[in-house]
């Protein structure tokens, strides 16, 4: 979360971003809200009605419906990438686009999307490619914009490998330093650090967090700005970033010479609280 800033109207404004040209959610964002009313089971049942299906498809084909944000219309079948399925029979489709799956099945992309929701019994995890790199760089230049992964903390092992992830789960913060600081010179190392530490801490009113000073909680990351690098991609998402040597959380060593120590000293921090451990 970025810091709040005063606007001309006196309203405080915040902004936050991740550093990729695709967002991740489900196929629910490709279909109108009315068909999903009542939850997943009701949604799937309605999709099995031919008349409802035809109406949903017609609305999906309207890129600007006015009553909802149609991500299918914004990204298009070629810009929708499958990330996760629950049904084991569908997992081989992970990493393919909706256009590719529809072509292989011999159906329209809209029909394929509806069929997959029914067959998987979930909203189906997908990435929507609908953000321009130029806009990412523009947001990067704004001093009140901070960075957030907007993703769960996956690990390259066990059940996590059964599905793809958005690469921001592994690489968002390292990517800021590797691409936008070191390669593109869009901002300095110091500014990137500020937007990941003191700015979000201030915005959330977390006392004694986000700064190196006597009396503050010892949350430290030691990295080499010349070598820190993200490796996760949409094709190979379960790839850890490199270049971080040491991580200290609440005064305890968590990463030692790039190796996790097994320590778990982190605590939930509440907005507006004093940031105390415990």
C-alpha atoms as a PDB file:
ATOM      1  CA  UNK A   1       0.000   0.000   0.000  1.00  0.00           C
ATOM      2  CA  UNK A   2       1.361   3.411  -0.919  1.00  0.00           C
ATOM      3  CA  UNK A   3       1.404   6.423   1.366  1.00  0.00           C
ATOM      4  CA  UNK A   4      -1.610   8.694   1.543  1.00  0.00           C
ATOM      5  CA  UNK A   5      -1.136  12.137  -0.001  1.00  0.00           C
ATOM      6  CA  UNK A   6      -3.378  15.215   0.207  1.00  0.00           C
ATOM      7  CA  UNK A   7      -5.274  16.159  -2.936  1.00  0.00           C
ATOM      8  CA  UNK A   8      -6.700  19.543  -3.910  1.00  0.00           C
ATOM      9  CA  UNK A   9     -10.050  18.514  -2.403  1.00  0.00           C
ATOM     10  CA  UNK A  10      -8.431  17.555   0.880  1.00  0.00           C
ATOM     11  CA  UNK A  11      -9.078  13.855   0.334  1.00  0.00           C
ATOM     12  CA  UNK A  12      -6.068  11.642   0.998  1.00  0.00           C
ATOM     13  CA  UNK A  13      -5.087   9.471  -1.966  1.00  0.00           C
ATOM     14  CA  UNK A  14      -3.185   6.156  -2.007  1.00  0.00           C
ATOM     15  CA  UNK A  15      -1.767   4.066  -4.822  1.00  0.00           C
ATOM     16  CA  UNK A  16      -0.122   0.662  -5.063  1.00  0.00           C
ATOM     17  CA  UNK A  17       1.195  -1.418  -7.945  1.00  0.00           C
ATOM     18  CA  UNK A  18       2.858  -4.632  -8.973  1.00  0.00           C
ATOM     19  CA  UNK A  19       5.437  -4.742 -11.746  1.00  0.00           C
ATOM     20  CA  UNK A  20       3.863  -6.998 -14.394  1.00  0.00           C
ATOM     21  CA  UNK A  21       1.630  -6.489 -17.414  1.00  0.00           C
ATOM     22  CA  UNK A  22      -0.925  -9.104 -16.340  1.00  0.00           C
ATOM     23  CA  UNK A  23      -3.250  -9.359 -13.382  1.00  0.00           C
ATOM     24  CA  UNK A  24      -4.475 -12.644 -11.925  1.00  0.00           C
ATOM     25  CA  UNK A  25      -7.943 -13.639 -10.781  1.00  0.00           C
ATOM     26  CA  UNK A  26     -10.531 -16.088 -12.128  1.00  0.00           C
ATOM     27  CA  UNK A  27     -12.927 -16.605 -15.033  1.00  0.00           C
ATOM     28  CA  UNK A  28     -15.573 -14.982 -12.856  1.00  0.00           C
ATOM     29  CA  UNK A  29     -14.083 -11.673 -14.054  1.00  0.00           C
ATOM     30  CA  UNK A  30     -14.909 -12.751 -17.622  1.00  0.00           C
ATOM     31  CA  UNK A  31     -18.635 -13.206 -16.982  1.00  0.00           C
ATOM     32  CA  UNK A  32     -21.424 -10.860 -15.820  1.00  0.00           C
ATOM     33  CA  UNK A  33     -22.139 -10.636 -12.076  1.00  0.00           C
ATOM     34  CA  UNK A  34     -25.814 -11.576 -12.375  1.00  0.00           C
ATOM     35  CA  UNK A  35     -24.990 -15.127 -13.500  1.00  0.00           C
ATOM     36  CA  UNK A  36     -22.824 -15.575 -10.396  1.00  0.00           C
ATOM     37  CA  UNK A  37     -25.436 -14.357  -7.917  1.00  0.00           C
ATOM     38  CA  UNK A  38     -25.780 -16.783  -5.027  1.00  0.00           C
ATOM     39  CA  UNK A  39     -22.288 -18.244  -5.188  1.00  0.00           C
ATOM     40  CA  UNK A  40     -20.320 -20.832  -7.103  1.00  0.00           C
ATOM     41  CA  UNK A  41     -22.882 -23.641  -7.181  1.00  0.00           C
ATOM     42  CA  UNK A  42     -25.658 -21.336  -8.370  1.00  0.00           C
ATOM     43  CA  UNK A  43     -23.341 -19.893 -11.018  1.00  0.00           C
ATOM     44  CA  UNK A  44     -22.414 -23.323 -12.390  1.00  0.00           C
ATOM     45  CA  UNK A  45     -26.043 -24.467 -12.394  1.00  0.00           C
ATOM     46  CA  UNK A  46     -27.111 -21.411 -14.401  1.00  0.00           C
ATOM     47  CA  UNK A  47     -24.333 -21.937 -16.938  1.00  0.00           C
ATOM     48  CA  UNK A  48     -25.806 -25.364 -17.728  1.00  0.00           C
ATOM     49  CA  UNK A  49     -29.044 -23.711 -18.930  1.00  0.00           C
ATOM     50  CA  UNK A  50     -28.724 -23.157 -22.738  1.00  0.00           C
ATOM     51  CA  UNK A  51     -30.699 -19.913 -22.628  1.00  0.00           C
ATOM     52  CA  UNK A  52     -28.581 -18.492 -19.813  1.00  0.00           C
ATOM     53  CA  UNK A  53     -25.416 -19.667 -21.547  1.00  0.00           C
ATOM     54  CA  UNK A  54     -26.367 -17.826 -24.740  1.00  0.00           C
ATOM     55  CA  UNK A  55     -27.057 -14.625 -22.787  1.00  0.00           C
ATOM     56  CA  UNK A  56     -23.717 -14.891 -20.934  1.00  0.00           C
ATOM     57  CA  UNK A  57     -21.833 -15.398 -24.197  1.00  0.00           C
ATOM     58  CA  UNK A  58     -23.522 -12.340 -25.734  1.00  0.00           C
ATOM     59  CA  UNK A  59     -22.471 -10.206 -22.770  1.00  0.00           C
ATOM     60  CA  UNK A  60     -18.926 -11.590 -22.796  1.00  0.00           C
ATOM     61  CA  UNK A  61     -18.618 -10.429 -26.408  1.00  0.00           C
ATOM     62  CA  UNK A  62     -19.449  -6.851 -25.390  1.00  0.00           C
ATOM     63  CA  UNK A  63     -16.091  -5.346 -24.343  1.00  0.00           C
ATOM     64  CA  UNK A  64     -17.760  -2.401 -22.573  1.00  0.00           C
ATOM     65  CA  UNK A  65     -21.022  -3.617 -21.002  1.00  0.00           C
ATOM     66  CA  UNK A  66     -21.366  -0.606 -18.706  1.00  0.00           C
ATOM     67  CA  UNK A  67     -22.633  -2.528 -15.675  1.00  0.00           C
ATOM     68  CA  UNK A  68     -19.480  -4.579 -15.011  1.00  0.00           C
ATOM     69  CA  UNK A  69     -15.773  -4.665 -15.883  1.00  0.00           C
ATOM     70  CA  UNK A  70     -15.380  -7.266 -18.613  1.00  0.00           C
ATOM     71  CA  UNK A  71     -11.806  -8.555 -18.368  1.00  0.00           C
ATOM     72  CA  UNK A  72     -12.515 -11.082 -21.113  1.00  0.00           C
ATOM     73  CA  UNK A  73     -13.276  -8.196 -23.446  1.00  0.00           C
ATOM     74  CA  UNK A  74     -10.207  -6.279 -22.276  1.00  0.00           C
ATOM     75  CA  UNK A  75      -7.671  -9.095 -22.597  1.00  0.00           C
ATOM     76  CA  UNK A  76      -9.196 -11.238 -25.348  1.00  0.00           C
ATOM     77  CA  UNK A  77      -8.819 -15.034 -25.647  1.00  0.00           C
ATOM     78  CA  UNK A  78      -5.118 -14.718 -26.550  1.00  0.00           C
ATOM     79  CA  UNK A  79      -4.508 -12.638 -23.426  1.00  0.00           C
ATOM     80  CA  UNK A  80      -6.042 -15.068 -20.914  1.00  0.00           C
ATOM     81  CA  UNK A  81      -3.562 -17.607 -19.535  1.00  0.00           C
ATOM     82  CA  UNK A  82      -4.632 -20.555 -17.368  1.00  0.00           C
ATOM     83  CA  UNK A  83      -2.854 -20.759 -14.003  1.00  0.00           C
ATOM     84  CA  UNK A  84      -4.713 -23.269 -11.853  1.00  0.00           C
ATOM     85  CA  UNK A  85      -7.345 -26.016 -11.934  1.00  0.00           C
ATOM     86  CA  UNK A  86      -8.746 -28.280  -9.243  1.00  0.00           C
ATOM     87  CA  UNK A  87      -9.757 -31.084 -11.613  1.00  0.00           C
ATOM     88  CA  UNK A  88      -6.675 -33.295 -12.295  1.00  0.00           C
ATOM     89  CA  UNK A  89      -7.911 -33.932 -15.857  1.00  0.00           C
ATOM     90  CA  UNK A  90      -7.691 -30.221 -16.609  1.00  0.00           C
ATOM     91  CA  UNK A  91      -4.260 -29.540 -15.106  1.00  0.00           C
ATOM     92  CA  UNK A  92      -2.478 -30.202 -18.456  1.00  0.00           C
ATOM     93  CA  UNK A  93      -4.166 -27.013 -19.679  1.00  0.00           C
ATOM     94  CA  UNK A  94      -2.129 -24.955 -17.205  1.00  0.00           C
ATOM     95  CA  UNK A  95       0.088 -22.520 -19.095  1.00  0.00           C
ATOM     96  CA  UNK A  96      -2.116 -22.451 -22.194  1.00  0.00           C
ATOM     97  CA  UNK A  97      -4.218 -19.524 -23.353  1.00  0.00           C
ATOM     98  CA  UNK A  98      -7.982 -19.603 -23.661  1.00  0.00           C
ATOM     99  CA  UNK A  99      -7.572 -19.211 -27.417  1.00  0.00           C
ATOM    100  CA  UNK A 100      -5.360 -22.302 -27.583  1.00  0.00           C
ATOM    101  CA  UNK A 101      -7.742 -24.405 -25.486  1.00  0.00           C
ATOM    102  CA  UNK A 102     -10.775 -23.279 -27.495  1.00  0.00           C
ATOM    103  CA  UNK A 103      -9.048 -24.133 -30.777  1.00  0.00           C
ATOM    104  CA  UNK A 104      -8.022 -27.576 -29.505  1.00  0.00           C
ATOM    105  CA  UNK A 105     -11.587 -28.252 -28.374  1.00  0.00           C
ATOM    106  CA  UNK A 106     -13.155 -26.915 -31.550  1.00  0.00           C
ATOM    107  CA  UNK A 107     -15.407 -24.440 -29.729  1.00  0.00           C
ATOM    108  CA  UNK A 108     -15.611 -20.683 -29.290  1.00  0.00           C
ATOM    109  CA  UNK A 109     -13.463 -19.096 -26.561  1.00  0.00           C
ATOM    110  CA  UNK A 110     -16.615 -18.103 -24.683  1.00  0.00           C
ATOM    111  CA  UNK A 111     -17.937 -21.673 -24.765  1.00  0.00           C
ATOM    112  CA  UNK A 112     -14.551 -22.978 -23.654  1.00  0.00           C
ATOM    113  CA  UNK A 113     -14.487 -20.603 -20.672  1.00  0.00           C
ATOM    114  CA  UNK A 114     -17.979 -21.650 -19.590  1.00  0.00           C
ATOM    115  CA  UNK A 115     -17.211 -25.352 -20.057  1.00  0.00           C
ATOM    116  CA  UNK A 116     -14.057 -25.115 -17.957  1.00  0.00           C
ATOM    117  CA  UNK A 117     -15.849 -23.454 -15.037  1.00  0.00           C
ATOM    118  CA  UNK A 118     -18.427 -26.269 -15.120  1.00  0.00           C
ATOM    119  CA  UNK A 119     -15.838 -29.049 -15.500  1.00  0.00           C
ATOM    120  CA  UNK A 120     -13.496 -27.723 -12.823  1.00  0.00           C
ATOM    121  CA  UNK A 121     -16.155 -26.739 -10.337  1.00  0.00           C
ATOM    122  CA  UNK A 122     -14.209 -23.558  -9.556  1.00  0.00           C
ATOM    123  CA  UNK A 123     -13.819 -20.064 -10.940  1.00  0.00           C
ATOM    124  CA  UNK A 124     -10.535 -21.322 -12.560  1.00  0.00           C
ATOM    125  CA  UNK A 125      -7.373 -19.315 -11.896  1.00  0.00           C
ATOM    126  CA  UNK A 126      -6.212 -17.222 -14.853  1.00  0.00           C
ATOM    127  CA  UNK A 127      -3.951 -14.301 -15.726  1.00  0.00           C
ATOM    128  CA  UNK A 128      -5.308 -11.434 -17.804  1.00  0.00           C
ATOM    129  CA  UNK A 129      -2.760  -9.594 -19.964  1.00  0.00           C
ATOM    130  CA  UNK A 130      -4.220  -6.106 -20.161  1.00  0.00           C
ATOM    131  CA  UNK A 131      -1.614  -3.712 -18.742  1.00  0.00           C
ATOM    132  CA  UNK A 132       0.861  -1.790 -20.891  1.00  0.00           C
ATOM    133  CA  UNK A 133       4.555  -1.701 -19.998  1.00  0.00           C
ATOM    134  CA  UNK A 134       4.500   2.040 -20.670  1.00  0.00           C
ATOM    135  CA  UNK A 135       1.902   2.490 -17.942  1.00  0.00           C
ATOM    136  CA  UNK A 136       3.943   0.395 -15.516  1.00  0.00           C
ATOM    137  CA  UNK A 137       6.945   2.664 -16.100  1.00  0.00           C
ATOM    138  CA  UNK A 138       4.775   5.762 -15.709  1.00  0.00           C
ATOM    139  CA  UNK A 139       3.423   4.562 -12.358  1.00  0.00           C
ATOM    140  CA  UNK A 140       6.976   3.724 -11.331  1.00  0.00           C
ATOM    141  CA  UNK A 141       7.911   7.413 -11.624  1.00  0.00           C
ATOM    142  CA  UNK A 142       5.251   8.629  -9.176  1.00  0.00           C
ATOM    143  CA  UNK A 143       6.724   9.181  -5.691  1.00  0.00           C
ATOM    144  CA  UNK A 144       3.517   8.245  -3.813  1.00  0.00           C
ATOM    145  CA  UNK A 145       3.164   4.839  -5.537  1.00  0.00           C
ATOM    146  CA  UNK A 146       4.481   1.868  -3.572  1.00  0.00           C
ATOM    147  CA  UNK A 147       4.803  -1.810  -4.486  1.00  0.00           C
ATOM    148  CA  UNK A 148       2.782  -4.834  -3.489  1.00  0.00           C
ATOM    149  CA  UNK A 149       2.772  -8.381  -4.798  1.00  0.00           C
ATOM    150  CA  UNK A 150      -1.011  -8.833  -4.344  1.00  0.00           C
ATOM    151  CA  UNK A 151      -0.288 -12.568  -4.191  1.00  0.00           C
ATOM    152  CA  UNK A 152      -0.060 -15.380  -1.680  1.00  0.00           C
ATOM    153  CA  UNK A 153       3.315 -16.685  -0.512  1.00  0.00           C
ATOM    154  CA  UNK A 154       3.875 -19.779  -2.636  1.00  0.00           C
ATOM    155  CA  UNK A 155       6.909 -22.063  -2.429  1.00  0.00           C
ATOM    156  CA  UNK A 156       8.539 -24.122  -5.229  1.00  0.00           C
ATOM    157  CA  UNK A 157       7.635 -27.439  -3.595  1.00  0.00           C
ATOM    158  CA  UNK A 158       4.794 -29.780  -2.667  1.00  0.00           C
ATOM    159  CA  UNK A 159       1.194 -28.889  -3.457  1.00  0.00           C
ATOM    160  CA  UNK A 160       2.174 -25.468  -4.800  1.00  0.00           C
ATOM    161  CA  UNK A 161       3.680 -27.136  -7.875  1.00  0.00           C
ATOM    162  CA  UNK A 162       0.298 -28.580  -8.847  1.00  0.00           C
ATOM    163  CA  UNK A 163      -0.705 -25.174 -10.223  1.00  0.00           C
ATOM    164  CA  UNK A 164       1.054 -22.270 -11.853  1.00  0.00           C
ATOM    165  CA  UNK A 165       1.329 -18.981  -9.982  1.00  0.00           C
ATOM    166  CA  UNK A 166       1.509 -15.373 -11.012  1.00  0.00           C
ATOM    167  CA  UNK A 167       5.268 -14.621 -11.098  1.00  0.00           C
ATOM    168  CA  UNK A 168       4.691 -11.697  -8.745  1.00  0.00           C
ATOM    169  CA  UNK A 169       4.400 -14.283  -5.944  1.00  0.00           C
ATOM    170  CA  UNK A 170       8.141 -14.890  -6.280  1.00  0.00           C
ATOM    171  CA  UNK A 171       9.626 -11.921  -8.082  1.00  0.00           C
ATOM    172  CA  UNK A 172       7.717  -8.685  -7.591  1.00  0.00           C
ATOM    173  CA  UNK A 173      10.112  -6.864  -5.264  1.00  0.00           C
ATOM    174  CA  UNK A 174      13.324  -8.243  -6.758  1.00  0.00           C
ATOM    175  CA  UNK A 175      12.001  -7.202 -10.171  1.00  0.00           C
ATOM    176  CA  UNK A 176      11.764  -3.588  -9.045  1.00  0.00           C
ATOM    177  CA  UNK A 177      15.500  -3.540  -8.354  1.00  0.00           C
ATOM    178  CA  UNK A 178      16.578  -5.739 -11.275  1.00  0.00           C
ATOM    179  CA  UNK A 179      14.521  -4.204 -14.069  1.00  0.00           C
ATOM    180  CA  UNK A 180      13.328  -0.766 -13.050  1.00  0.00           C
ATOM    181  CA  UNK A 181      16.329   0.343 -10.979  1.00  0.00           C
ATOM    182  CA  UNK A 182      19.295  -1.461 -12.527  1.00  0.00           C
ATOM    183  CA  UNK A 183      18.172  -1.876 -16.156  1.00  0.00           C
ATOM    184  CA  UNK A 184      15.709   0.941 -16.880  1.00  0.00           C
ATOM    185  CA  UNK A 185      16.981   3.538 -14.356  1.00  0.00           C
ATOM    186  CA  UNK A 186      13.360   4.455 -13.648  1.00  0.00           C
ATOM    187  CA  UNK A 187      14.164   5.151  -9.988  1.00  0.00           C
ATOM    188  CA  UNK A 188      17.099   4.910  -7.603  1.00  0.00           C
ATOM    189  CA  UNK A 189      17.865   2.066  -5.212  1.00  0.00           C
ATOM    190  CA  UNK A 190      17.205   4.379  -2.271  1.00  0.00           C
ATOM    191  CA  UNK A 191      13.820   5.428  -3.653  1.00  0.00           C
ATOM    192  CA  UNK A 192      12.811   1.833  -4.331  1.00  0.00           C
ATOM    193  CA  UNK A 193      13.712   0.901  -0.748  1.00  0.00           C
ATOM    194  CA  UNK A 194      11.718   3.854   0.609  1.00  0.00           C
ATOM    195  CA  UNK A 195       8.612   2.781  -1.272  1.00  0.00           C
ATOM    196  CA  UNK A 196       8.869  -0.758   0.116  1.00  0.00           C
ATOM    197  CA  UNK A 197       9.557   0.224   3.726  1.00  0.00           C
ATOM    198  CA  UNK A 198       8.851   3.590   5.329  1.00  0.00           C
ATOM    199  CA  UNK A 199       6.074   4.662   2.948  1.00  0.00           C
ATOM    200  CA  UNK A 200       3.774   1.670   3.477  1.00  0.00           C
ATOM    201  CA  UNK A 201       4.624   1.638   7.191  1.00  0.00           C
ATOM    202  CA  UNK A 202       3.613   5.288   7.485  1.00  0.00           C
ATOM    203  CA  UNK A 203       0.451   4.760   5.477  1.00  0.00           C
ATOM    204  CA  UNK A 204      -0.589   1.911   7.762  1.00  0.00           C
ATOM    205  CA  UNK A 205       0.447   3.860  10.878  1.00  0.00           C
ATOM    206  CA  UNK A 206       2.831   1.108  11.974  1.00  0.00           C
ATOM    207  CA  UNK A 207       4.966   2.546  14.759  1.00  0.00           C
ATOM    208  CA  UNK A 208       8.696   1.750  14.703  1.00  0.00           C
ATOM    209  CA  UNK A 209       8.487  -0.210  11.448  1.00  0.00           C
ATOM    210  CA  UNK A 210       9.973   0.580   8.059  1.00  0.00           C
ATOM    211  CA  UNK A 211      13.066   2.487   9.226  1.00  0.00           C
ATOM    212  CA  UNK A 212      16.547   1.749  10.571  1.00  0.00           C
ATOM    213  CA  UNK A 213      16.858   3.681  13.812  1.00  0.00           C
ATOM    214  CA  UNK A 214      17.474   3.056  17.517  1.00  0.00           C
ATOM    215  CA  UNK A 215      14.412   1.634  19.223  1.00  0.00           C
ATOM    216  CA  UNK A 216      12.725   0.429  16.036  1.00  0.00           C
ATOM    217  CA  UNK A 217      11.962  -3.226  15.409  1.00  0.00           C
ATOM    218  CA  UNK A 218      14.874  -4.965  13.680  1.00  0.00           C
ATOM    219  CA  UNK A 219      13.386  -5.876  10.291  1.00  0.00           C
ATOM    220  CA  UNK A 220      16.311  -5.945   7.849  1.00  0.00           C
ATOM    221  CA  UNK A 221      17.041  -7.193   4.345  1.00  0.00           C
ATOM    222  CA  UNK A 222      20.629  -7.318   3.063  1.00  0.00           C
ATOM    223  CA  UNK A 223      20.895  -7.597  -0.719  1.00  0.00           C
ATOM    224  CA  UNK A 224      23.298  -6.767  -3.519  1.00  0.00           C
ATOM    225  CA  UNK A 225      21.723  -4.182  -5.864  1.00  0.00           C
ATOM    226  CA  UNK A 226      24.075  -5.343  -8.614  1.00  0.00           C
ATOM    227  CA  UNK A 227      22.935  -8.972  -8.545  1.00  0.00           C
ATOM    228  CA  UNK A 228      19.416  -9.131  -7.106  1.00  0.00           C
ATOM    229  CA  UNK A 229      17.253 -10.753  -9.760  1.00  0.00           C
ATOM    230  CA  UNK A 230      13.772 -12.141 -10.256  1.00  0.00           C
ATOM    231  CA  UNK A 231      13.520 -15.405 -12.204  1.00  0.00           C
ATOM    232  CA  UNK A 232       9.809 -16.250 -12.121  1.00  0.00           C
ATOM    233  CA  UNK A 233       7.970 -15.998 -15.445  1.00  0.00           C
ATOM    234  CA  UNK A 234       4.458 -16.871 -16.553  1.00  0.00           C
ATOM    235  CA  UNK A 235       5.883 -19.936 -18.279  1.00  0.00           C
ATOM    236  CA  UNK A 236       7.981 -20.987 -15.251  1.00  0.00           C
ATOM    237  CA  UNK A 237       6.443 -19.266 -12.268  1.00  0.00           C
ATOM    238  CA  UNK A 238       7.874 -21.294  -9.372  1.00  0.00           C
ATOM    239  CA  UNK A 239      11.329 -19.708  -9.463  1.00  0.00           C
ATOM    240  CA  UNK A 240      12.836 -18.030  -6.408  1.00  0.00           C
ATOM    241  CA  UNK A 241      14.563 -14.684  -6.757  1.00  0.00           C
ATOM    242  CA  UNK A 242      18.282 -14.418  -6.003  1.00  0.00           C
ATOM    243  CA  UNK A 243      20.635 -11.779  -4.634  1.00  0.00           C
ATOM    244  CA  UNK A 244      19.311 -11.522  -1.060  1.00  0.00           C
ATOM    245  CA  UNK A 245      21.939 -12.582   1.464  1.00  0.00           C
ATOM    246  CA  UNK A 246      20.365 -11.966   4.867  1.00  0.00           C
ATOM    247  CA  UNK A 247      16.891 -11.315   6.253  1.00  0.00           C
ATOM    248  CA  UNK A 248      16.230 -10.402   9.887  1.00  0.00           C
ATOM    249  CA  UNK A 249      12.640 -10.283  11.171  1.00  0.00           C
ATOM    250  CA  UNK A 250      11.913  -8.921  14.638  1.00  0.00           C
ATOM    251  CA  UNK A 251      15.596  -9.246  15.427  1.00  0.00           C
ATOM    252  CA  UNK A 252      15.898 -12.916  14.464  1.00  0.00           C
ATOM    253  CA  UNK A 253      17.904 -14.240  11.523  1.00  0.00           C
ATOM    254  CA  UNK A 254      15.555 -15.829   8.975  1.00  0.00           C
ATOM    255  CA  UNK A 255      17.808 -15.966   5.889  1.00  0.00           C
ATOM    256  CA  UNK A 256      21.503 -16.609   6.484  1.00  0.00           C
ATOM    257  CA  UNK A 257      23.831 -16.442   3.473  1.00  0.00           C
ATOM    258  CA  UNK A 258      20.829 -16.921   1.136  1.00  0.00           C
ATOM    259  CA  UNK A 259      19.579 -19.979   3.072  1.00  0.00           C
ATOM    260  CA  UNK A 260      16.411 -20.054   5.179  1.00  0.00           C
ATOM    261  CA  UNK A 261      17.213 -20.820   8.811  1.00  0.00           C
ATOM    262  CA  UNK A 262      13.800 -22.258   9.624  1.00  0.00           C
ATOM    263  CA  UNK A 263      13.029 -19.429  12.040  1.00  0.00           C
ATOM    264  CA  UNK A 264       9.478 -18.022  11.880  1.00  0.00           C
ATOM    265  CA  UNK A 265       9.504 -14.862  14.015  1.00  0.00           C
ATOM    266  CA  UNK A 266       7.017 -12.880  11.945  1.00  0.00           C
ATOM    267  CA  UNK A 267       3.773 -11.581  13.461  1.00  0.00           C
ATOM    268  CA  UNK A 268       0.561 -10.119  12.072  1.00  0.00           C
ATOM    269  CA  UNK A 269       0.686  -6.315  12.106  1.00  0.00           C
ATOM    270  CA  UNK A 270      -2.609  -4.428  12.365  1.00  0.00           C
ATOM    271  CA  UNK A 271      -3.215  -1.085  10.719  1.00  0.00           C
ATOM    272  CA  UNK A 272      -2.871   1.751  13.190  1.00  0.00           C
ATOM    273  CA  UNK A 273      -1.434  -0.451  15.938  1.00  0.00           C
ATOM    274  CA  UNK A 274       1.917   0.028  17.610  1.00  0.00           C
ATOM    275  CA  UNK A 275       3.655  -2.703  15.628  1.00  0.00           C
ATOM    276  CA  UNK A 276       4.563  -4.641  18.748  1.00  0.00           C
ATOM    277  CA  UNK A 277       5.625  -8.245  18.508  1.00  0.00           C
ATOM    278  CA  UNK A 278       3.209 -10.768  19.966  1.00  0.00           C
END
